[in-house]
Amino acid sequence: MPLSSYRMHRIYLAATMNYGLGSEDPEELAYYNKIRKEMDEMKNDSVKKGIPLSWNIENEMDK
């Protein structure tokens, strides 16, 4: 039986807040582990924020 949207939301909250799941259901554990894995991958990806400080924007875009 697929997970209900309510249960998926509860699992998502537990995963994002770094709480334990408290369930031994394999379907719920798989969903929880999937979310935790995606969060770990997002932490490892570098995100460039802000505005470039160089005034030579045309030269940087050509590269």
C-alpha atoms as a PDB file:
ATOM      1  CA  MET A   1       0.000   0.000   0.000  1.00  0.00           C
ATOM      2  CA  PRO A   2       1.496   3.389  -0.957  1.00  0.00           C
ATOM      3  CA  LEU A   3       2.154   5.983   1.693  1.00  0.00           C
ATOM      4  CA  SER A   4      -0.551   8.540   2.312  1.00  0.00           C
ATOM      5  CA  SER A   5       0.291  12.190   1.733  1.00  0.00           C
ATOM      6  CA  TYR A   6      -0.115  12.791   5.474  1.00  0.00           C
ATOM      7  CA  ARG A   7       2.432  10.091   6.337  1.00  0.00           C
ATOM      8  CA  MET A   8       4.826  11.311   3.636  1.00  0.00           C
ATOM      9  CA  HIS A   9       4.645  14.796   5.115  1.00  0.00           C
ATOM     10  CA  ARG A  10       5.346  13.486   8.618  1.00  0.00           C
ATOM     11  CA  ILE A  11       8.352  11.515   7.340  1.00  0.00           C
ATOM     12  CA  TYR A  12       9.598  14.576   5.431  1.00  0.00           C
ATOM     13  CA  LEU A  13       9.411  16.697   8.583  1.00  0.00           C
ATOM     14  CA  ALA A  14      11.265  14.058  10.599  1.00  0.00           C
ATOM     15  CA  ALA A  15      13.994  13.813   7.959  1.00  0.00           C
ATOM     16  CA  THR A  16      14.473  17.565   7.509  1.00  0.00           C
ATOM     17  CA  MET A  17      14.531  18.247  11.245  1.00  0.00           C
ATOM     18  CA  ASN A  18      17.014  15.398  11.759  1.00  0.00           C
ATOM     19  CA  TYR A  19      14.646  13.405  13.956  1.00  0.00           C
ATOM     20  CA  GLY A  20      14.482   9.648  14.082  1.00  0.00           C
ATOM     21  CA  LEU A  21      11.649   8.000  12.211  1.00  0.00           C
ATOM     22  CA  GLY A  22      10.421   5.684  14.951  1.00  0.00           C
ATOM     23  CA  SER A  23       9.003   3.193  12.480  1.00  0.00           C
ATOM     24  CA  GLU A  24      10.201  -0.115  11.120  1.00  0.00           C
ATOM     25  CA  ASP A  25       7.977  -0.111   8.045  1.00  0.00           C
ATOM     26  CA  PRO A  26      10.301  -0.722   5.043  1.00  0.00           C
ATOM     27  CA  GLU A  27       8.348   1.647   2.776  1.00  0.00           C
ATOM     28  CA  GLU A  28       8.567   4.481   5.306  1.00  0.00           C
ATOM     29  CA  LEU A  29      12.249   3.803   5.950  1.00  0.00           C
ATOM     30  CA  ALA A  30      12.989   3.882   2.222  1.00  0.00           C
ATOM     31  CA  TYR A  31      11.261   7.251   1.848  1.00  0.00           C
ATOM     32  CA  TYR A  32      13.034   8.631   4.931  1.00  0.00           C
ATOM     33  CA  ASN A  33      16.445   7.456   3.668  1.00  0.00           C
ATOM     34  CA  LYS A  34      15.752   8.914   0.226  1.00  0.00           C
ATOM     35  CA  ILE A  35      15.058  12.347   1.708  1.00  0.00           C
ATOM     36  CA  ARG A  36      18.117  12.186   3.995  1.00  0.00           C
ATOM     37  CA  LYS A  37      20.313  11.227   1.019  1.00  0.00           C
ATOM     38  CA  GLU A  38      18.988  14.141  -1.052  1.00  0.00           C
ATOM     39  CA  MET A  39      19.639  16.521   1.841  1.00  0.00           C
ATOM     40  CA  ASP A  40      23.213  15.263   2.225  1.00  0.00           C
ATOM     41  CA  GLU A  41      23.801  15.730  -1.501  1.00  0.00           C
ATOM     42  CA  MET A  42      22.462  19.291  -1.322  1.00  0.00           C
ATOM     43  CA  LYS A  43      24.847  20.092   1.523  1.00  0.00           C
ATOM     44  CA  ASN A  44      27.812  18.936  -0.574  1.00  0.00           C
ATOM     45  CA  ASP A  45      26.856  20.987  -3.651  1.00  0.00           C
ATOM     46  CA  SER A  46      28.421  24.415  -3.707  1.00  0.00           C
ATOM     47  CA  VAL A  47      26.029  27.255  -4.283  1.00  0.00           C
ATOM     48  CA  LYS A  48      27.280  30.515  -5.709  1.00  0.00           C
ATOM     49  CA  LYS A  49      25.508  33.406  -4.060  1.00  0.00           C
ATOM     50  CA  GLY A  50      25.600  37.098  -4.597  1.00  0.00           C
ATOM     51  CA  ILE A  51      26.679  39.357  -7.392  1.00  0.00           C
ATOM     52  CA  PRO A  52      30.088  38.997  -9.065  1.00  0.00           C
ATOM     53  CA  LEU A  53      32.396  41.792  -7.989  1.00  0.00           C
ATOM     54  CA  SER A  54      34.050  42.096 -11.381  1.00  0.00           C
ATOM     55  CA  TRP A  55      32.963  44.923 -13.649  1.00  0.00           C
ATOM     56  CA  ASN A  56      34.087  42.968 -16.727  1.00  0.00           C
ATOM     57  CA  ILE A  57      30.899  40.970 -17.012  1.00  0.00           C
ATOM     58  CA  GLU A  58      31.071  40.758 -20.832  1.00  0.00           C
ATOM     59  CA  ASN A  59      34.518  39.155 -20.647  1.00  0.00           C
ATOM     60  CA  GLU A  60      33.392  36.590 -18.067  1.00  0.00           C
ATOM     61  CA  MET A  61      30.363  35.585 -20.128  1.00  0.00           C
ATOM     62  CA  ASP A  62      32.513  34.901 -23.187  1.00  0.00           C
ATOM     63  CA  LYS A  63      34.546  32.270 -21.329  1.00  0.00           C
END
